[in-house]
Amino acid sequence: MSGDRAERVERLANSLGIPDRHQRSKCTPEDKKNLVQSLQQEGAKVLMVGDGLNDAPVLAQADVSLAVQSAAPLARQKADAYLIRPGLDGVRQALATASQARRVLKQNLAWALGYNILAVPFAALGMISPLLASVGMALSSLIVVLNSARITRAEKSATL
């Protein structure tokens, strides 16, 4: 969705891999907000990227919103996140980082659940000493922290 001409919208959308059926040009702020609301009513989760004053209402309406580097102050205020580099490459990077964070979160939850299902009964029944149980819990937490740190390492290598 953009207030720009159809040719410009088509060129940008095609470069981002957005199908023709999802391209909208010459949209007013109200058009954008209405489209986001209708998508949300259909159960879609909407990511909105904007930069202008006219994008502020739809940035606030979207499930997740990003303001680009050159965004108007009001757009930055209404957005959930703000891209500090020019251009739209930050959007791809943010989506990739979010996807990786979701995978790591699931891994961490699975590890913590599995560890606790196995270790807590042994500790509760006195089959392992309290000292060994506390060391095991600390090691489990360390594994979760180190696994989470992979996200920042991957993001740093992606920005180089």
N, C-alpha and C. Protein backbone atom coordinates (compact mmCIF):
# COMPACT_ATOMS: atom_id res chain seq x y z
N MET A 1 0.84 -1.17 0.00
CA MET A 1 0.00 0.00 0.00
C MET A 1 0.88 1.23 0.00
N SER A 2 0.57 2.11 -0.87
CA SER A 2 1.34 3.35 -0.94
C SER A 2 0.48 4.44 -1.53
N GLY A 3 0.79 5.64 -1.19
CA GLY A 3 0.15 6.78 -1.82
C GLY A 3 0.78 7.13 -3.15
N ASP A 4 1.87 6.43 -3.48
CA ASP A 4 2.59 6.70 -4.73
C ASP A 4 1.83 6.17 -5.95
N ARG A 5 2.37 6.58 -7.13
CA ARG A 5 1.81 6.14 -8.40
C ARG A 5 1.98 4.62 -8.58
N ALA A 6 1.14 4.04 -9.43
CA ALA A 6 1.14 2.60 -9.65
C ALA A 6 2.49 2.07 -10.15
N GLU A 7 3.15 2.81 -11.05
CA GLU A 7 4.42 2.34 -11.61
C GLU A 7 5.48 2.20 -10.51
N ARG A 8 5.54 3.17 -9.64
CA ARG A 8 6.53 3.14 -8.55
C ARG A 8 6.23 2.01 -7.57
N VAL A 9 4.97 1.86 -7.23
CA VAL A 9 4.56 0.79 -6.32
C VAL A 9 4.88 -0.57 -6.93
N GLU A 10 4.57 -0.73 -8.20
CA GLU A 10 4.82 -2.01 -8.87
C GLU A 10 6.31 -2.33 -8.88
N ARG A 11 7.15 -1.36 -9.19
CA ARG A 11 8.59 -1.57 -9.25
C ARG A 11 9.13 -2.01 -7.88
N LEU A 12 8.75 -1.29 -6.83
CA LEU A 12 9.21 -1.63 -5.49
C LEU A 12 8.66 -2.97 -5.03
N ALA A 13 7.37 -3.18 -5.23
CA ALA A 13 6.75 -4.44 -4.80
C ALA A 13 7.37 -5.63 -5.50
N ASN A 14 7.62 -5.50 -6.78
CA ASN A 14 8.24 -6.60 -7.53
C ASN A 14 9.65 -6.88 -7.02
N SER A 15 10.39 -5.84 -6.66
CA SER A 15 11.75 -6.04 -6.14
C SER A 15 11.73 -6.75 -4.79
N LEU A 16 10.62 -6.62 -4.06
CA LEU A 16 10.48 -7.26 -2.76
C LEU A 16 9.76 -8.61 -2.84
N GLY A 17 9.33 -8.97 -4.06
CA GLY A 17 8.64 -10.25 -4.23
C GLY A 17 7.18 -10.22 -3.79
N ILE A 18 6.58 -9.05 -3.79
CA ILE A 18 5.17 -8.92 -3.40
C ILE A 18 4.32 -9.13 -4.64
N PRO A 19 3.41 -10.11 -4.61
CA PRO A 19 2.58 -10.39 -5.79
C PRO A 19 1.68 -9.22 -6.18
N ASP A 20 1.32 -9.17 -7.45
CA ASP A 20 0.48 -8.09 -7.98
C ASP A 20 -0.81 -7.93 -7.18
N ARG A 21 -1.40 -9.02 -6.77
CA ARG A 21 -2.70 -8.95 -6.07
C ARG A 21 -2.61 -8.25 -4.72
N HIS A 22 -1.39 -8.10 -4.20
CA HIS A 22 -1.21 -7.43 -2.91
C HIS A 22 -0.67 -6.01 -3.07
N GLN A 23 -0.57 -5.52 -4.28
CA GLN A 23 -0.05 -4.18 -4.53
C GLN A 23 -1.20 -3.18 -4.61
N ARG A 24 -1.06 -2.09 -3.86
CA ARG A 24 -2.06 -1.02 -3.89
C ARG A 24 -1.33 0.31 -4.05
N SER A 25 -1.81 1.13 -4.96
CA SER A 25 -1.21 2.45 -5.17
C SER A 25 -2.26 3.52 -4.92
N LYS A 26 -1.79 4.76 -4.82
CA LYS A 26 -2.64 5.93 -4.61
C LYS A 26 -3.58 5.77 -3.42
N CYS A 27 -3.09 5.15 -2.37
CA CYS A 27 -3.92 4.93 -1.17
C CYS A 27 -3.89 6.15 -0.26
N THR A 28 -5.03 6.48 0.27
CA THR A 28 -5.11 7.51 1.29
C THR A 28 -4.79 6.87 2.64
N PRO A 29 -4.50 7.65 3.67
CA PRO A 29 -4.28 7.07 5.00
C PRO A 29 -5.48 6.24 5.45
N GLU A 30 -6.67 6.69 5.13
CA GLU A 30 -7.88 5.93 5.51
C GLU A 30 -7.96 4.61 4.75
N ASP A 31 -7.60 4.62 3.46
CA ASP A 31 -7.57 3.38 2.67
C ASP A 31 -6.63 2.36 3.31
N LYS A 32 -5.45 2.83 3.71
CA LYS A 32 -4.46 1.94 4.31
C LYS A 32 -4.98 1.34 5.61
N LYS A 33 -5.53 2.20 6.45
CA LYS A 33 -6.05 1.73 7.74
C LYS A 33 -7.19 0.74 7.54
N ASN A 34 -8.09 1.03 6.60
CA ASN A 34 -9.22 0.12 6.34
C ASN A 34 -8.75 -1.24 5.82
N LEU A 35 -7.75 -1.22 4.94
CA LEU A 35 -7.23 -2.48 4.41
C LEU A 35 -6.58 -3.31 5.51
N VAL A 36 -5.81 -2.67 6.36
CA VAL A 36 -5.18 -3.39 7.47
C VAL A 36 -6.24 -3.97 8.39
N GLN A 37 -7.28 -3.18 8.70
CA GLN A 37 -8.36 -3.68 9.55
C GLN A 37 -9.06 -4.87 8.93
N SER A 38 -9.31 -4.82 7.63
CA SER A 38 -10.00 -5.95 6.98
C SER A 38 -9.11 -7.19 6.97
N LEU A 39 -7.82 -7.01 6.77
CA LEU A 39 -6.90 -8.16 6.82
C LEU A 39 -6.87 -8.76 8.23
N GLN A 40 -6.86 -7.91 9.24
CA GLN A 40 -6.85 -8.39 10.62
C GLN A 40 -8.15 -9.12 10.96
N GLN A 41 -9.27 -8.63 10.44
CA GLN A 41 -10.54 -9.30 10.69
C GLN A 41 -10.59 -10.68 10.05
N GLU A 42 -9.80 -10.87 8.98
CA GLU A 42 -9.71 -12.17 8.33
C GLU A 42 -8.71 -13.08 9.03
N GLY A 43 -8.07 -12.57 10.07
CA GLY A 43 -7.13 -13.37 10.84
C GLY A 43 -5.67 -13.17 10.48
N ALA A 44 -5.39 -12.27 9.56
CA ALA A 44 -4.00 -12.02 9.14
C ALA A 44 -3.27 -11.21 10.20
N LYS A 45 -1.98 -11.44 10.30
CA LYS A 45 -1.09 -10.62 11.12
C LYS A 45 -0.39 -9.67 10.14
N VAL A 46 -0.47 -8.39 10.40
CA VAL A 46 -0.02 -7.38 9.45
C VAL A 46 1.23 -6.68 9.94
N LEU A 47 2.25 -6.66 9.06
CA LEU A 47 3.46 -5.86 9.26
C LEU A 47 3.34 -4.66 8.35
N MET A 48 3.46 -3.48 8.91
CA MET A 48 3.38 -2.24 8.14
C MET A 48 4.71 -1.51 8.24
N VAL A 49 5.20 -1.05 7.10
CA VAL A 49 6.41 -0.25 7.04
C VAL A 49 6.00 1.11 6.50
N GLY A 50 6.41 2.18 7.18
CA GLY A 50 6.01 3.51 6.73
C GLY A 50 7.03 4.56 7.07
N ASP A 51 6.80 5.75 6.49
CA ASP A 51 7.73 6.83 6.73
C ASP A 51 7.09 8.20 6.90
N GLY A 52 5.86 8.36 6.48
CA GLY A 52 5.26 9.69 6.47
C GLY A 52 4.26 9.93 7.58
N LEU A 53 3.89 11.20 7.73
CA LEU A 53 2.84 11.55 8.68
C LEU A 53 1.56 10.79 8.38
N ASN A 54 1.28 10.63 7.09
CA ASN A 54 0.05 9.94 6.69
C ASN A 54 0.08 8.45 7.02
N ASP A 55 1.25 7.90 7.36
CA ASP A 55 1.35 6.49 7.72
C ASP A 55 1.13 6.24 9.21
N ALA A 56 1.13 7.29 10.02
CA ALA A 56 1.03 7.13 11.47
C ALA A 56 -0.21 6.32 11.90
N PRO A 57 -1.41 6.60 11.37
CA PRO A 57 -2.57 5.83 11.82
C PRO A 57 -2.47 4.33 11.49
N VAL A 58 -1.96 4.01 10.30
CA VAL A 58 -1.87 2.60 9.93
C VAL A 58 -0.71 1.91 10.65
N LEU A 59 0.35 2.65 10.95
CA LEU A 59 1.43 2.07 11.75
C LEU A 59 0.92 1.68 13.13
N ALA A 60 0.07 2.52 13.70
CA ALA A 60 -0.52 2.22 15.01
C ALA A 60 -1.51 1.05 14.92
N GLN A 61 -2.18 0.90 13.80
CA GLN A 61 -3.19 -0.15 13.61
C GLN A 61 -2.57 -1.53 13.38
N ALA A 62 -1.44 -1.58 12.71
CA ALA A 62 -0.83 -2.86 12.34
C ALA A 62 -0.41 -3.66 13.57
N ASP A 63 -0.32 -4.97 13.38
CA ASP A 63 0.13 -5.84 14.48
C ASP A 63 1.60 -5.56 14.82
N VAL A 64 2.40 -5.33 13.80
CA VAL A 64 3.80 -4.96 13.96
C VAL A 64 4.08 -3.86 12.95
N SER A 65 4.80 -2.83 13.37
CA SER A 65 5.08 -1.75 12.44
C SER A 65 6.52 -1.29 12.56
N LEU A 66 7.07 -0.90 11.41
CA LEU A 66 8.44 -0.41 11.32
C LEU A 66 8.44 0.94 10.64
N ALA A 67 9.18 1.87 11.19
CA ALA A 67 9.40 3.16 10.54
C ALA A 67 10.79 3.13 9.93
N VAL A 68 10.92 3.63 8.72
CA VAL A 68 12.22 3.65 8.06
C VAL A 68 13.05 4.82 8.57
N GLN A 69 14.32 4.82 8.21
CA GLN A 69 15.27 5.80 8.76
C GLN A 69 14.81 7.24 8.59
N SER A 70 14.30 7.57 7.42
CA SER A 70 13.93 8.96 7.14
C SER A 70 12.50 9.29 7.54
N ALA A 71 11.90 8.47 8.38
CA ALA A 71 10.49 8.65 8.74
C ALA A 71 10.24 9.94 9.51
N ALA A 72 9.05 10.46 9.33
CA ALA A 72 8.61 11.63 10.09
C ALA A 72 8.56 11.26 11.58
N PRO A 73 8.80 12.22 12.45
CA PRO A 73 8.80 11.93 13.89
C PRO A 73 7.52 11.24 14.38
N LEU A 74 6.36 11.63 13.86
CA LEU A 74 5.12 10.99 14.29
C LEU A 74 5.07 9.53 13.84
N ALA A 75 5.55 9.24 12.65
CA ALA A 75 5.59 7.85 12.17
C ALA A 75 6.51 7.02 13.07
N ARG A 76 7.66 7.58 13.44
CA ARG A 76 8.58 6.86 14.33
C ARG A 76 7.93 6.61 15.69
N GLN A 77 7.17 7.58 16.16
CA GLN A 77 6.52 7.44 17.46
C GLN A 77 5.46 6.35 17.44
N LYS A 78 4.72 6.22 16.36
CA LYS A 78 3.63 5.25 16.28
C LYS A 78 4.12 3.84 15.93
N ALA A 79 5.32 3.73 15.36
CA ALA A 79 5.85 2.43 14.96
C ALA A 79 6.39 1.66 16.16
N ASP A 80 6.39 0.34 16.04
CA ASP A 80 6.94 -0.52 17.08
C ASP A 80 8.46 -0.52 17.07
N ALA A 81 9.04 -0.34 15.90
CA ALA A 81 10.49 -0.35 15.75
C ALA A 81 10.88 0.67 14.69
N TYR A 82 12.14 1.04 14.73
CA TYR A 82 12.66 2.08 13.85
C TYR A 82 13.94 1.57 13.22
N LEU A 83 14.00 1.57 11.88
CA LEU A 83 15.19 1.11 11.17
C LEU A 83 16.21 2.24 11.12
N ILE A 84 17.43 1.96 11.56
CA ILE A 84 18.43 3.02 11.64
C ILE A 84 19.25 3.17 10.37
N ARG A 85 19.14 2.23 9.45
CA ARG A 85 19.86 2.33 8.18
C ARG A 85 18.88 2.74 7.08
N PRO A 86 19.37 3.46 6.08
CA PRO A 86 18.49 3.84 4.97
C PRO A 86 18.10 2.62 4.13
N GLY A 87 16.98 2.74 3.45
CA GLY A 87 16.53 1.67 2.56
C GLY A 87 15.68 0.64 3.28
N LEU A 88 15.28 -0.37 2.52
CA LEU A 88 14.38 -1.39 3.06
C LEU A 88 15.08 -2.70 3.40
N ASP A 89 16.39 -2.77 3.24
CA ASP A 89 17.11 -4.01 3.58
C ASP A 89 16.94 -4.35 5.06
N GLY A 90 16.78 -3.35 5.89
CA GLY A 90 16.57 -3.57 7.32
C GLY A 90 15.30 -4.35 7.61
N VAL A 91 14.31 -4.23 6.74
CA VAL A 91 13.06 -4.98 6.93
C VAL A 91 13.34 -6.47 6.79
N ARG A 92 14.07 -6.83 5.74
CA ARG A 92 14.42 -8.26 5.55
C ARG A 92 15.23 -8.77 6.72
N GLN A 93 16.19 -7.99 7.16
CA GLN A 93 17.03 -8.39 8.28
C GLN A 93 16.20 -8.54 9.57
N ALA A 94 15.29 -7.60 9.81
CA ALA A 94 14.44 -7.68 11.00
C ALA A 94 13.57 -8.93 10.96
N LEU A 95 13.02 -9.26 9.79
CA LEU A 95 12.20 -10.46 9.67
C LEU A 95 13.03 -11.72 9.87
N ALA A 96 14.23 -11.75 9.32
CA ALA A 96 15.11 -12.91 9.49
C ALA A 96 15.50 -13.08 10.95
N THR A 97 15.81 -11.96 11.63
CA THR A 97 16.18 -12.02 13.05
C THR A 97 14.99 -12.49 13.89
N ALA A 98 13.80 -12.00 13.58
CA ALA A 98 12.61 -12.42 14.31
C ALA A 98 12.34 -13.92 14.12
N SER A 99 12.54 -14.39 12.92
CA SER A 99 12.35 -15.82 12.64
C SER A 99 13.35 -16.66 13.42
N GLN A 100 14.60 -16.24 13.43
CA GLN A 100 15.62 -16.97 14.17
C GLN A 100 15.32 -16.91 15.68
N ALA A 101 14.89 -15.75 16.16
CA ALA A 101 14.57 -15.61 17.58
C ALA A 101 13.44 -16.55 17.98
N ARG A 102 12.47 -16.71 17.11
CA ARG A 102 11.36 -17.62 17.39
C ARG A 102 11.86 -19.07 17.49
N ARG A 103 12.75 -19.47 16.56
CA ARG A 103 13.31 -20.83 16.60
C ARG A 103 14.10 -21.05 17.88
N VAL A 104 14.94 -20.07 18.24
CA VAL A 104 15.76 -20.20 19.44
C VAL A 104 14.87 -20.23 20.70
N LEU A 105 13.83 -19.42 20.72
CA LEU A 105 12.90 -19.43 21.85
C LEU A 105 12.27 -20.80 22.02
N LYS A 106 11.83 -21.40 20.93
CA LYS A 106 11.24 -22.74 21.00
C LYS A 106 12.25 -23.77 21.48
N GLN A 107 13.50 -23.66 21.01
CA GLN A 107 14.55 -24.57 21.46
C GLN A 107 14.78 -24.41 22.96
N ASN A 108 14.85 -23.16 23.42
CA ASN A 108 15.09 -22.90 24.83
C ASN A 108 13.95 -23.42 25.70
N LEU A 109 12.73 -23.22 25.25
CA LEU A 109 11.58 -23.73 26.01
C LEU A 109 11.58 -25.26 26.05
N ALA A 110 11.90 -25.88 24.92
CA ALA A 110 11.96 -27.35 24.88
C ALA A 110 13.06 -27.87 25.82
N TRP A 111 14.23 -27.23 25.78
CA TRP A 111 15.32 -27.64 26.65
C TRP A 111 14.92 -27.49 28.12
N ALA A 112 14.39 -26.32 28.49
CA ALA A 112 14.04 -26.07 29.89
C ALA A 112 12.94 -27.03 30.36
N LEU A 113 11.95 -27.25 29.52
CA LEU A 113 10.88 -28.18 29.89
C LEU A 113 11.43 -29.59 30.05
N GLY A 114 12.22 -30.02 29.08
CA GLY A 114 12.79 -31.37 29.15
C GLY A 114 13.68 -31.56 30.36
N TYR A 115 14.53 -30.59 30.62
CA TYR A 115 15.43 -30.68 31.77
C TYR A 115 14.62 -30.76 33.06
N ASN A 116 13.62 -29.88 33.19
CA ASN A 116 12.84 -29.86 34.43
C ASN A 116 12.00 -31.11 34.61
N ILE A 117 11.48 -31.65 33.52
CA ILE A 117 10.70 -32.90 33.62
C ILE A 117 11.58 -34.04 34.11
N LEU A 118 12.84 -34.04 33.67
CA LEU A 118 13.75 -35.11 34.09
C LEU A 118 14.40 -34.84 35.44
N ALA A 119 14.88 -33.64 35.67
CA ALA A 119 15.69 -33.37 36.85
C ALA A 119 14.87 -33.12 38.12
N VAL A 120 13.76 -32.42 38.02
CA VAL A 120 13.00 -32.06 39.22
C VAL A 120 12.52 -33.29 39.99
N PRO A 121 11.96 -34.30 39.32
CA PRO A 121 11.55 -35.48 40.10
C PRO A 121 12.72 -36.15 40.85
N PHE A 122 13.89 -36.23 40.21
CA PHE A 122 15.05 -36.82 40.89
C PHE A 122 15.44 -36.00 42.11
N ALA A 123 15.41 -34.67 41.98
CA ALA A 123 15.75 -33.80 43.10
C ALA A 123 14.68 -33.90 44.19
N ALA A 124 13.41 -33.93 43.81
CA ALA A 124 12.33 -33.99 44.79
C ALA A 124 12.35 -35.30 45.56
N LEU A 125 12.75 -36.37 44.91
CA LEU A 125 12.80 -37.68 45.56
C LEU A 125 14.11 -37.90 46.31
N GLY A 126 15.00 -36.91 46.26
CA GLY A 126 16.27 -37.02 46.98
C GLY A 126 17.27 -37.93 46.29
N MET A 127 17.04 -38.23 45.03
CA MET A 127 17.94 -39.13 44.30
C MET A 127 19.23 -38.41 43.86
N ILE A 128 19.19 -37.08 43.86
CA ILE A 128 20.41 -36.31 43.63
C ILE A 128 20.50 -35.26 44.73
N SER A 129 21.71 -34.89 45.04
CA SER A 129 21.91 -33.93 46.14
C SER A 129 21.44 -32.54 45.72
N PRO A 130 21.08 -31.72 46.71
CA PRO A 130 20.69 -30.34 46.39
C PRO A 130 21.80 -29.58 45.67
N LEU A 131 23.04 -29.85 46.03
CA LEU A 131 24.16 -29.17 45.37
C LEU A 131 24.21 -29.55 43.89
N LEU A 132 24.09 -30.83 43.60
CA LEU A 132 24.12 -31.29 42.21
C LEU A 132 22.91 -30.76 41.44
N ALA A 133 21.75 -30.70 42.09
CA ALA A 133 20.56 -30.15 41.44
C ALA A 133 20.74 -28.66 41.12
N SER A 134 21.35 -27.91 42.04
CA SER A 134 21.54 -26.48 41.78
C SER A 134 22.59 -26.25 40.69
N VAL A 135 23.64 -27.07 40.66
CA VAL A 135 24.64 -26.97 39.59
C VAL A 135 23.99 -27.30 38.25
N GLY A 136 23.15 -28.33 38.23
CA GLY A 136 22.44 -28.71 37.01
C GLY A 136 21.53 -27.60 36.52
N MET A 137 20.85 -26.94 37.44
CA MET A 137 19.96 -25.84 37.06
C MET A 137 20.77 -24.68 36.51
N ALA A 138 21.90 -24.38 37.14
CA ALA A 138 22.76 -23.30 36.65
C ALA A 138 23.29 -23.63 35.25
N LEU A 139 23.70 -24.86 35.03
CA LEU A 139 24.18 -25.27 33.70
C LEU A 139 23.05 -25.19 32.67
N SER A 140 21.86 -25.57 33.08
CA SER A 140 20.71 -25.48 32.17
C SER A 140 20.47 -24.03 31.77
N SER A 141 20.54 -23.12 32.73
CA SER A 141 20.36 -21.69 32.43
C SER A 141 21.47 -21.18 31.53
N LEU A 142 22.69 -21.65 31.75
CA LEU A 142 23.81 -21.24 30.91
C LEU A 142 23.61 -21.71 29.46
N ILE A 143 23.11 -22.92 29.30
CA ILE A 143 22.83 -23.43 27.95
C ILE A 143 21.80 -22.56 27.25
N VAL A 144 20.76 -22.15 27.97
CA VAL A 144 19.72 -21.29 27.39
C VAL A 144 20.31 -19.93 26.99
N VAL A 145 21.14 -19.36 27.85
CA VAL A 145 21.74 -18.05 27.55
C VAL A 145 22.68 -18.15 26.35
N LEU A 146 23.51 -19.17 26.30
CA LEU A 146 24.43 -19.34 25.18
C LEU A 146 23.68 -19.59 23.87
N ASN A 147 22.61 -20.37 23.95
CA ASN A 147 21.80 -20.60 22.75
C ASN A 147 21.17 -19.30 22.28
N SER A 148 20.72 -18.47 23.19
CA SER A 148 20.12 -17.18 22.83
C SER A 148 21.15 -16.23 22.24
N ALA A 149 22.38 -16.33 22.67
CA ALA A 149 23.43 -15.45 22.16
C ALA A 149 23.70 -15.69 20.69
N ARG A 150 23.29 -16.85 20.17
CA ARG A 150 23.47 -17.13 18.75
C ARG A 150 22.74 -16.10 17.89
N ILE A 151 21.67 -15.54 18.39
CA ILE A 151 20.90 -14.55 17.62
C ILE A 151 21.75 -13.31 17.37
N THR A 152 22.40 -12.81 18.40
CA THR A 152 23.20 -11.59 18.23
C THR A 152 24.43 -11.86 17.38
N ARG A 153 25.01 -13.05 17.49
CA ARG A 153 26.17 -13.38 16.63
C ARG A 153 25.74 -13.45 15.18
N ALA A 154 24.58 -14.05 14.91
CA ALA A 154 24.10 -14.16 13.53
C ALA A 154 23.75 -12.79 12.97
N GLU A 155 23.17 -11.92 13.80
CA GLU A 155 22.82 -10.58 13.32
C GLU A 155 24.06 -9.76 13.02
N LYS A 156 25.08 -9.87 13.87
CA LYS A 156 26.33 -9.14 13.61
C LYS A 156 26.96 -9.58 12.30
N SER A 157 26.96 -10.88 12.03
CA SER A 157 27.57 -11.35 10.78
C SER A 157 26.73 -10.95 9.58
N ALA A 158 25.42 -10.81 9.75
CA ALA A 158 24.55 -10.40 8.64
C ALA A 158 24.73 -8.93 8.29
N THR A 159 25.16 -8.12 9.25
CA THR A 159 25.31 -6.69 8.98
C THR A 159 26.67 -6.34 8.41
N LEU A 160 27.60 -7.27 8.45
CA LEU A 160 28.95 -6.98 7.94
C LEU A 160 29.02 -7.09 6.43
